[in-house]
Amino acid sequence: MTMNQQELMFNGRRLEDNRPLSEYRIQQASVVHMMIRNPNNIVVFVKTLTGKRIDLDLDICDTVKNLKHTFGAVSCHWRSPFFY
């Protein structure tokens, strides 16, 4: 298993590689969950105009239409997202 296939979660948040553990308030005896990602999946980060970031898990074969549908299902009230 490669590092790219590992996904770490703590308190419902995806842990980003370059952030310090203290930012997530991980302490002694905290439980961090590791998931193994499918190599055909990608994570698309959607940032809304309000500054909210939404992480979408997609298959590399998904279409733009699928991306729009997935984003709409997660958050239908944000109308003008941009990607970064």
PDB file of N, CA and C in Angstrom:
ATOM      1  N   MET A   1       0.853  -1.175   0.000  1.00  0.00           N
ATOM      2  CA  MET A   1       0.000   0.000   0.000  1.00  0.00           C
ATOM      3  C   MET A   1       0.899   1.238   0.000  1.00  0.00           C
ATOM      4  N   THR A   2       0.640   2.146  -0.923  1.00  0.00           N
ATOM      5  CA  THR A   2       1.436   3.369  -1.007  1.00  0.00           C
ATOM      6  C   THR A   2       0.817   4.464  -0.147  1.00  0.00           C
ATOM      7  N   MET A   3       1.594   5.509   0.110  1.00  0.00           N
ATOM      8  CA  MET A   3       1.077   6.638   0.892  1.00  0.00           C
ATOM      9  C   MET A   3      -0.101   7.298   0.185  1.00  0.00           C
ATOM     10  N   ASN A   4      -0.089   7.305  -1.141  1.00  0.00           N
ATOM     11  CA  ASN A   4      -1.185   7.924  -1.890  1.00  0.00           C
ATOM     12  C   ASN A   4      -2.497   7.178  -1.729  1.00  0.00           C
ATOM     13  N   GLN A   5      -2.432   5.917  -1.344  1.00  0.00           N
ATOM     14  CA  GLN A   5      -3.648   5.132  -1.144  1.00  0.00           C
ATOM     15  C   GLN A   5      -4.187   5.267   0.276  1.00  0.00           C
ATOM     16  N   GLN A   6      -3.409   5.854   1.176  1.00  0.00           N
ATOM     17  CA  GLN A   6      -3.831   5.995   2.566  1.00  0.00           C
ATOM     18  C   GLN A   6      -4.593   7.303   2.751  1.00  0.00           C
ATOM     19  N   GLU A   7      -5.714   7.217   3.422  1.00  0.00           N
ATOM     20  CA  GLU A   7      -6.530   8.390   3.743  1.00  0.00           C
ATOM     21  C   GLU A   7      -6.748   8.373   5.245  1.00  0.00           C
ATOM     22  N   LEU A   8      -6.334   9.429   5.936  1.00  0.00           N
ATOM     23  CA  LEU A   8      -6.493   9.504   7.384  1.00  0.00           C
ATOM     24  C   LEU A   8      -7.618  10.462   7.736  1.00  0.00           C
ATOM     25  N   MET A   9      -8.453  10.043   8.700  1.00  0.00           N
ATOM     26  CA  MET A   9      -9.594  10.842   9.142  1.00  0.00           C
ATOM     27  C   MET A   9      -9.557  10.958  10.659  1.00  0.00           C
ATOM     28  N   PHE A  10      -9.958  12.141  11.145  1.00  0.00           N
ATOM     29  CA  PHE A  10     -10.073  12.355  12.584  1.00  0.00           C
ATOM     30  C   PHE A  10     -11.274  13.253  12.829  1.00  0.00           C
ATOM     31  N   ASN A  11     -12.177  12.801  13.674  1.00  0.00           N
ATOM     32  CA  ASN A  11     -13.405  13.553  13.980  1.00  0.00           C
ATOM     33  C   ASN A  11     -14.145  13.986  12.719  1.00  0.00           C
ATOM     34  N   GLY A  12     -14.202  13.100  11.734  1.00  0.00           N
ATOM     35  CA  GLY A  12     -14.945  13.383  10.516  1.00  0.00           C
ATOM     36  C   GLY A  12     -14.230  14.272   9.521  1.00  0.00           C
ATOM     37  N   ARG A  13     -12.989  14.632   9.796  1.00  0.00           N
ATOM     38  CA  ARG A  13     -12.225  15.497   8.887  1.00  0.00           C
ATOM     39  C   ARG A  13     -11.099  14.708   8.244  1.00  0.00           C
ATOM     40  N   ARG A  14     -10.898  14.946   6.972  1.00  0.00           N
ATOM     41  CA  ARG A  14      -9.782  14.346   6.243  1.00  0.00           C
ATOM     42  C   ARG A  14      -8.511  15.096   6.642  1.00  0.00           C
ATOM     43  N   LEU A  15      -7.482  14.362   7.036  1.00  0.00           N
ATOM     44  CA  LEU A  15      -6.225  14.976   7.451  1.00  0.00           C
ATOM     45  C   LEU A  15      -5.366  15.255   6.222  1.00  0.00           C
ATOM     46  N   GLU A  16      -4.873  16.483   6.135  1.00  0.00           N
ATOM     47  CA  GLU A  16      -4.032  16.881   5.010  1.00  0.00           C
ATOM     48  C   GLU A  16      -2.571  16.646   5.366  1.00  0.00           C
ATOM     49  N   ASP A  17      -1.802  16.166   4.398  1.00  0.00           N
ATOM     50  CA  ASP A  17      -0.430  15.731   4.639  1.00  0.00           C
ATOM     51  C   ASP A  17       0.473  16.779   5.282  1.00  0.00           C
ATOM     52  N   ASN A  18       0.361  18.023   4.899  1.00  0.00           N
ATOM     53  CA  ASN A  18       1.323  19.036   5.337  1.00  0.00           C
ATOM     54  C   ASN A  18       0.879  19.839   6.553  1.00  0.00           C
ATOM     55  N   ARG A  19      -0.186  19.448   7.179  1.00  0.00           N
ATOM     56  CA  ARG A  19      -0.684  20.176   8.354  1.00  0.00           C
ATOM     57  C   ARG A  19      -0.190  19.514   9.633  1.00  0.00           C
ATOM     58  N   PRO A  20       0.097  20.304  10.677  1.00  0.00           N
ATOM     59  CA  PRO A  20       0.537  19.709  11.948  1.00  0.00           C
ATOM     60  C   PRO A  20      -0.623  19.018  12.662  1.00  0.00           C
ATOM     61  N   LEU A  21      -0.305  17.977  13.414  1.00  0.00           N
ATOM     62  CA  LEU A  21      -1.331  17.247  14.165  1.00  0.00           C
ATOM     63  C   LEU A  21      -2.058  18.162  15.138  1.00  0.00           C
ATOM     64  N   SER A  22      -1.348  19.147  15.683  1.00  0.00           N
ATOM     65  CA  SER A  22      -1.965  20.060  16.653  1.00  0.00           C
ATOM     66  C   SER A  22      -3.121  20.848  16.043  1.00  0.00           C
ATOM     67  N   GLU A  23      -3.073  21.091  14.742  1.00  0.00           N
ATOM     68  CA  GLU A  23      -4.157  21.823  14.081  1.00  0.00           C
ATOM     69  C   GLU A  23      -5.469  21.047  14.143  1.00  0.00           C
ATOM     70  N   TYR A  24      -5.370  19.736  14.189  1.00  0.00           N
ATOM     71  CA  TYR A  24      -6.555  18.891  14.267  1.00  0.00           C
ATOM     72  C   TYR A  24      -6.908  18.531  15.709  1.00  0.00           C
ATOM     73  N   ARG A  25      -6.116  19.022  16.647  1.00  0.00           N
ATOM     74  CA  ARG A  25      -6.294  18.742  18.081  1.00  0.00           C
ATOM     75  C   ARG A  25      -6.186  17.247  18.384  1.00  0.00           C
ATOM     76  N   ILE A  26      -5.254  16.603  17.694  1.00  0.00           N
ATOM     77  CA  ILE A  26      -4.976  15.195  17.959  1.00  0.00           C
ATOM     78  C   ILE A  26      -4.070  15.123  19.183  1.00  0.00           C
ATOM     79  N   GLN A  27      -4.490  14.346  20.162  1.00  0.00           N
ATOM     80  CA  GLN A  27      -3.758  14.233  21.419  1.00  0.00           C
ATOM     81  C   GLN A  27      -3.459  12.771  21.702  1.00  0.00           C
ATOM     82  N   GLN A  28      -2.746  12.549  22.803  1.00  0.00           N
ATOM     83  CA  GLN A  28      -2.466  11.181  23.217  1.00  0.00           C
ATOM     84  C   GLN A  28      -3.791  10.439  23.400  1.00  0.00           C
ATOM     85  N   ALA A  29      -3.862   9.228  22.912  1.00  0.00           N
ATOM     86  CA  ALA A  29      -5.031   8.344  22.981  1.00  0.00           C
ATOM     87  C   ALA A  29      -6.146   8.739  22.009  1.00  0.00           C
ATOM     88  N   SER A  30      -5.925   9.726  21.137  1.00  0.00           N
ATOM     89  CA  SER A  30      -6.902  10.032  20.091  1.00  0.00           C
ATOM     90  C   SER A  30      -6.921   8.883  19.090  1.00  0.00           C
ATOM     91  N   VAL A  31      -8.055   8.687  18.446  1.00  0.00           N
ATOM     92  CA  VAL A  31      -8.185   7.626  17.443  1.00  0.00           C
ATOM     93  C   VAL A  31      -8.228   8.269  16.061  1.00  0.00           C
ATOM     94  N   VAL A  32      -7.270   7.893  15.226  1.00  0.00           N
ATOM     95  CA  VAL A  32      -7.214   8.342  13.839  1.00  0.00           C
ATOM     96  C   VAL A  32      -7.582   7.139  12.976  1.00  0.00           C
ATOM     97  N   HIS A  33      -8.509   7.333  12.059  1.00  0.00           N
ATOM     98  CA  HIS A  33      -8.967   6.242  11.199  1.00  0.00           C
ATOM     99  C   HIS A  33      -8.217   6.293   9.871  1.00  0.00           C
ATOM    100  N   MET A  34      -7.758   5.127   9.410  1.00  0.00           N
ATOM    101  CA  MET A  34      -7.102   5.046   8.117  1.00  0.00           C
ATOM    102  C   MET A  34      -7.988   4.254   7.166  1.00  0.00           C
ATOM    103  N   MET A  35      -8.192   4.820   5.999  1.00  0.00           N
ATOM    104  CA  MET A  35      -8.926   4.135   4.944  1.00  0.00           C
ATOM    105  C   MET A  35      -7.969   3.927   3.779  1.00  0.00           C
ATOM    106  N   ILE A  36      -8.187   2.886   3.033  1.00  0.00           N
ATOM    107  CA  ILE A  36      -7.369   2.624   1.856  1.00  0.00           C
ATOM    108  C   ILE A  36      -8.172   3.043   0.635  1.00  0.00           C
ATOM    109  N   ARG A  37      -7.588   3.939  -0.140  1.00  0.00           N
ATOM    110  CA  ARG A  37      -8.274   4.486  -1.307  1.00  0.00           C
ATOM    111  C   ARG A  37      -8.093   3.569  -2.515  1.00  0.00           C
ATOM    112  N   ASN A  38      -9.120   3.508  -3.308  1.00  0.00           N
ATOM    113  CA  ASN A  38      -9.064   2.815  -4.585  1.00  0.00           C
ATOM    114  C   ASN A  38      -8.194   3.655  -5.520  1.00  0.00           C
ATOM    115  N   PRO A  39      -7.202   3.072  -6.204  1.00  0.00           N
ATOM    116  CA  PRO A  39      -6.338   3.879  -7.077  1.00  0.00           C
ATOM    117  C   PRO A  39      -7.078   4.510  -8.250  1.00  0.00           C
ATOM    118  N   ASN A  40      -8.299   4.059  -8.538  1.00  0.00           N
ATOM    119  CA  ASN A  40      -9.087   4.667  -9.612  1.00  0.00           C
ATOM    120  C   ASN A  40      -9.926   5.836  -9.117  1.00  0.00           C
ATOM    121  N   ASN A  41      -9.865   6.120  -7.831  1.00  0.00           N
ATOM    122  CA  ASN A  41     -10.622   7.240  -7.278  1.00  0.00           C
ATOM    123  C   ASN A  41      -9.728   8.461  -7.140  1.00  0.00           C
ATOM    124  N   ILE A  42     -10.338   9.605  -7.271  1.00  0.00           N
ATOM    125  CA  ILE A  42      -9.644  10.870  -7.054  1.00  0.00           C
ATOM    126  C   ILE A  42     -10.495  11.713  -6.115  1.00  0.00           C
ATOM    127  N   VAL A  43      -9.866  12.656  -5.465  1.00  0.00           N
ATOM    128  CA  VAL A  43     -10.586  13.598  -4.622  1.00  0.00           C
ATOM    129  C   VAL A  43     -10.543  14.946  -5.319  1.00  0.00           C
ATOM    130  N   VAL A  44     -11.705  15.534  -5.539  1.00  0.00           N
ATOM    131  CA  VAL A  44     -11.818  16.863  -6.126  1.00  0.00           C
ATOM    132  C   VAL A  44     -12.220  17.806  -5.006  1.00  0.00           C
ATOM    133  N   PHE A  45     -11.465  18.886  -4.844  1.00  0.00           N
ATOM    134  CA  PHE A  45     -11.773  19.883  -3.829  1.00  0.00           C
ATOM    135  C   PHE A  45     -12.592  20.988  -4.478  1.00  0.00           C
ATOM    136  N   VAL A  46     -13.781  21.230  -3.964  1.00  0.00           N
ATOM    137  CA  VAL A  46     -14.650  22.296  -4.464  1.00  0.00           C
ATOM    138  C   VAL A  46     -14.669  23.384  -3.410  1.00  0.00           C
ATOM    139  N   LYS A  47     -14.363  24.596  -3.818  1.00  0.00           N
ATOM    140  CA  LYS A  47     -14.401  25.721  -2.892  1.00  0.00           C
ATOM    141  C   LYS A  47     -15.514  26.656  -3.344  1.00  0.00           C
ATOM    142  N   THR A  48     -16.449  26.939  -2.441  1.00  0.00           N
ATOM    143  CA  THR A  48     -17.587  27.793  -2.780  1.00  0.00           C
ATOM    144  C   THR A  48     -17.202  29.256  -2.608  1.00  0.00           C
ATOM    145  N   LEU A  49     -18.042  30.128  -3.092  1.00  0.00           N
ATOM    146  CA  LEU A  49     -17.786  31.563  -2.943  1.00  0.00           C
ATOM    147  C   LEU A  49     -17.821  32.004  -1.490  1.00  0.00           C
ATOM    148  N   THR A  50     -18.452  31.225  -0.629  1.00  0.00           N
ATOM    149  CA  THR A  50     -18.476  31.555   0.798  1.00  0.00           C
ATOM    150  C   THR A  50     -17.227  31.058   1.515  1.00  0.00           C
ATOM    151  N   GLY A  51     -16.330  30.389   0.776  1.00  0.00           N
ATOM    152  CA  GLY A  51     -15.094  29.902   1.362  1.00  0.00           C
ATOM    153  C   GLY A  51     -15.156  28.483   1.890  1.00  0.00           C
ATOM    154  N   LYS A  52     -16.318  27.867   1.819  1.00  0.00           N
ATOM    155  CA  LYS A  52     -16.472  26.479   2.284  1.00  0.00           C
ATOM    156  C   LYS A  52     -15.786  25.537   1.299  1.00  0.00           C
ATOM    157  N   ARG A  53     -15.030  24.574   1.822  1.00  0.00           N
ATOM    158  CA  ARG A  53     -14.384  23.579   0.974  1.00  0.00           C
ATOM    159  C   ARG A  53     -15.103  22.252   1.134  1.00  0.00           C
ATOM    160  N   ILE A  54     -15.423  21.639   0.006  1.00  0.00           N
ATOM    161  CA  ILE A  54     -16.096  20.347  -0.001  1.00  0.00           C
ATOM    162  C   ILE A  54     -15.217  19.371  -0.770  1.00  0.00           C
ATOM    163  N   ASP A  55     -14.939  18.230  -0.170  1.00  0.00           N
ATOM    164  CA  ASP A  55     -14.135  17.192  -0.806  1.00  0.00           C
ATOM    165  C   ASP A  55     -15.070  16.159  -1.423  1.00  0.00           C
ATOM    166  N   LEU A  56     -14.909  15.928  -2.710  1.00  0.00           N
ATOM    167  CA  LEU A  56     -15.744  14.957  -3.412  1.00  0.00           C
ATOM    168  C   LEU A  56     -14.881  13.788  -3.874  1.00  0.00           C
ATOM    169  N   ASP A  57     -15.296  12.584  -3.562  1.00  0.00           N
ATOM    170  CA  ASP A  57     -14.608  11.377  -4.020  1.00  0.00           C
ATOM    171  C   ASP A  57     -15.231  10.938  -5.334  1.00  0.00           C
ATOM    172  N   LEU A  58     -14.414  10.880  -6.378  1.00  0.00           N
ATOM    173  CA  LEU A  58     -14.907  10.531  -7.709  1.00  0.00           C
ATOM    174  C   LEU A  58     -14.044   9.440  -8.321  1.00  0.00           C
ATOM    175  N   ASP A  59     -14.587   8.767  -9.301  1.00  0.00           N
ATOM    176  CA  ASP A  59     -13.842   7.791 -10.083  1.00  0.00           C
ATOM    177  C   ASP A  59     -13.177   8.528 -11.241  1.00  0.00           C
ATOM    178  N   ILE A  60     -11.989   8.083 -11.654  1.00  0.00           N
ATOM    179  CA  ILE A  60     -11.296   8.781 -12.739  1.00  0.00           C
ATOM    180  C   ILE A  60     -12.066   8.714 -14.055  1.00  0.00           C
ATOM    181  N   CYS A  61     -12.997   7.795 -14.169  1.00  0.00           N
ATOM    182  CA  CYS A  61     -13.806   7.673 -15.389  1.00  0.00           C
ATOM    183  C   CYS A  61     -15.099   8.481 -15.323  1.00  0.00           C
ATOM    184  N   ASP A  62     -15.371   9.132 -14.187  1.00  0.00           N
ATOM    185  CA  ASP A  62     -16.583   9.944 -14.066  1.00  0.00           C
ATOM    186  C   ASP A  62     -16.566  11.077 -15.076  1.00  0.00           C
ATOM    187  N   THR A  63     -17.745  11.531 -15.427  1.00  0.00           N
ATOM    188  CA  THR A  63     -17.883  12.652 -16.350  1.00  0.00           C
ATOM    189  C   THR A  63     -18.098  13.939 -15.560  1.00  0.00           C
ATOM    190  N   VAL A  64     -18.019  15.056 -16.257  1.00  0.00           N
ATOM    191  CA  VAL A  64     -18.312  16.347 -15.630  1.00  0.00           C
ATOM    192  C   VAL A  64     -19.744  16.349 -15.113  1.00  0.00           C
ATOM    193  N   LYS A  65     -20.635  15.717 -15.846  1.00  0.00           N
ATOM    194  CA  LYS A  65     -22.031  15.619 -15.404  1.00  0.00           C
ATOM    195  C   LYS A  65     -22.111  14.907 -14.054  1.00  0.00           C
ATOM    196  N   ASN A  66     -21.348  13.817 -13.882  1.00  0.00           N
ATOM    197  CA  ASN A  66     -21.321  13.119 -12.594  1.00  0.00           C
ATOM    198  C   ASN A  66     -20.779  14.018 -11.489  1.00  0.00           C
ATOM    199  N   LEU A  67     -19.742  14.802 -11.800  1.00  0.00           N
ATOM    200  CA  LEU A  67     -19.190  15.744 -10.827  1.00  0.00           C
ATOM    201  C   LEU A  67     -20.259  16.739 -10.396  1.00  0.00           C
ATOM    202  N   LYS A  68     -20.986  17.295 -11.357  1.00  0.00           N
ATOM    203  CA  LYS A  68     -22.052  18.250 -11.032  1.00  0.00           C
ATOM    204  C   LYS A  68     -23.133  17.596 -10.185  1.00  0.00           C
ATOM    205  N   HIS A  69     -23.498  16.374 -10.533  1.00  0.00           N
ATOM    206  CA  HIS A  69     -24.528  15.654  -9.781  1.00  0.00           C
ATOM    207  C   HIS A  69     -24.062  15.388  -8.351  1.00  0.00           C
ATOM    208  N   THR A  70     -22.824  14.936  -8.199  1.00  0.00           N
ATOM    209  CA  THR A  70     -22.281  14.659  -6.868  1.00  0.00           C
ATOM    210  C   THR A  70     -22.226  15.926  -6.041  1.00  0.00           C
ATOM    211  N   PHE A  71     -21.764  17.021  -6.628  1.00  0.00           N
ATOM    212  CA  PHE A  71     -21.705  18.285  -5.906  1.00  0.00           C
ATOM    213  C   PHE A  71     -23.100  18.747  -5.526  1.00  0.00           C
ATOM    214  N   GLY A  72     -24.050  18.620  -6.437  1.00  0.00           N
ATOM    215  CA  GLY A  72     -25.425  19.023  -6.150  1.00  0.00           C
ATOM    216  C   GLY A  72     -26.044  18.215  -5.033  1.00  0.00           C
ATOM    217  N   ALA A  73     -25.719  16.932  -4.959  1.00  0.00           N
ATOM    218  CA  ALA A  73     -26.258  16.079  -3.898  1.00  0.00           C
ATOM    219  C   ALA A  73     -25.670  16.444  -2.543  1.00  0.00           C
ATOM    220  N   VAL A  74     -24.413  16.890  -2.535  1.00  0.00           N
ATOM    221  CA  VAL A  74     -23.762  17.258  -1.276  1.00  0.00           C
ATOM    222  C   VAL A  74     -24.252  18.610  -0.797  1.00  0.00           C
ATOM    223  N   SER A  75     -24.383  19.545  -1.717  1.00  0.00           N
ATOM    224  CA  SER A  75     -24.722  20.903  -1.308  1.00  0.00           C
ATOM    225  C   SER A  75     -25.468  21.627  -2.415  1.00  0.00           C
ATOM    226  N   CYS A  76     -26.775  21.494  -2.434  1.00  0.00           N
ATOM    227  CA  CYS A  76     -27.557  22.071  -3.526  1.00  0.00           C
ATOM    228  C   CYS A  76     -27.783  23.568  -3.372  1.00  0.00           C
ATOM    229  N   HIS A  77     -27.504  24.163  -2.216  1.00  0.00           N
ATOM    230  CA  HIS A  77     -27.787  25.590  -2.052  1.00  0.00           C
ATOM    231  C   HIS A  77     -26.608  26.489  -2.401  1.00  0.00           C
ATOM    232  N   TRP A  78     -25.425  25.947  -2.702  1.00  0.00           N
ATOM    233  CA  TRP A  78     -24.313  26.767  -3.186  1.00  0.00           C
ATOM    234  C   TRP A  78     -24.372  26.765  -4.697  1.00  0.00           C
ATOM    235  N   ARG A  79     -24.507  27.912  -5.283  1.00  0.00           N
ATOM    236  CA  ARG A  79     -24.745  27.981  -6.717  1.00  0.00           C
ATOM    237  C   ARG A  79     -23.520  28.333  -7.554  1.00  0.00           C
ATOM    238  N   SER A  80     -22.494  28.950  -6.986  1.00  0.00           N
ATOM    239  CA  SER A  80     -21.374  29.413  -7.803  1.00  0.00           C
ATOM    240  C   SER A  80     -20.036  28.921  -7.272  1.00  0.00           C
ATOM    241  N   PRO A  81     -19.774  27.628  -7.339  1.00  0.00           N
ATOM    242  CA  PRO A  81     -18.475  27.140  -6.865  1.00  0.00           C
ATOM    243  C   PRO A  81     -17.384  27.442  -7.880  1.00  0.00           C
ATOM    244  N   PHE A  82     -16.155  27.487  -7.419  1.00  0.00           N
ATOM    245  CA  PHE A  82     -15.023  27.499  -8.334  1.00  0.00           C
ATOM    246  C   PHE A  82     -14.040  26.458  -7.839  1.00  0.00           C
ATOM    247  N   PHE A  83     -13.219  25.979  -8.737  1.00  0.00           N
ATOM    248  CA  PHE A  83     -12.295  24.899  -8.404  1.00  0.00           C
ATOM    249  C   PHE A  83     -10.904  25.465  -8.250  1.00  0.00           C
ATOM    250  N   TYR A  84     -10.139  24.868  -7.341  1.00  0.00           N
ATOM    251  CA  TYR A  84      -8.742  25.271  -7.179  1.00  0.00           C
ATOM    252  C   TYR A  84      -7.864  24.065  -7.138  1.00  0.00           C
TER     253      TYR A  84
END
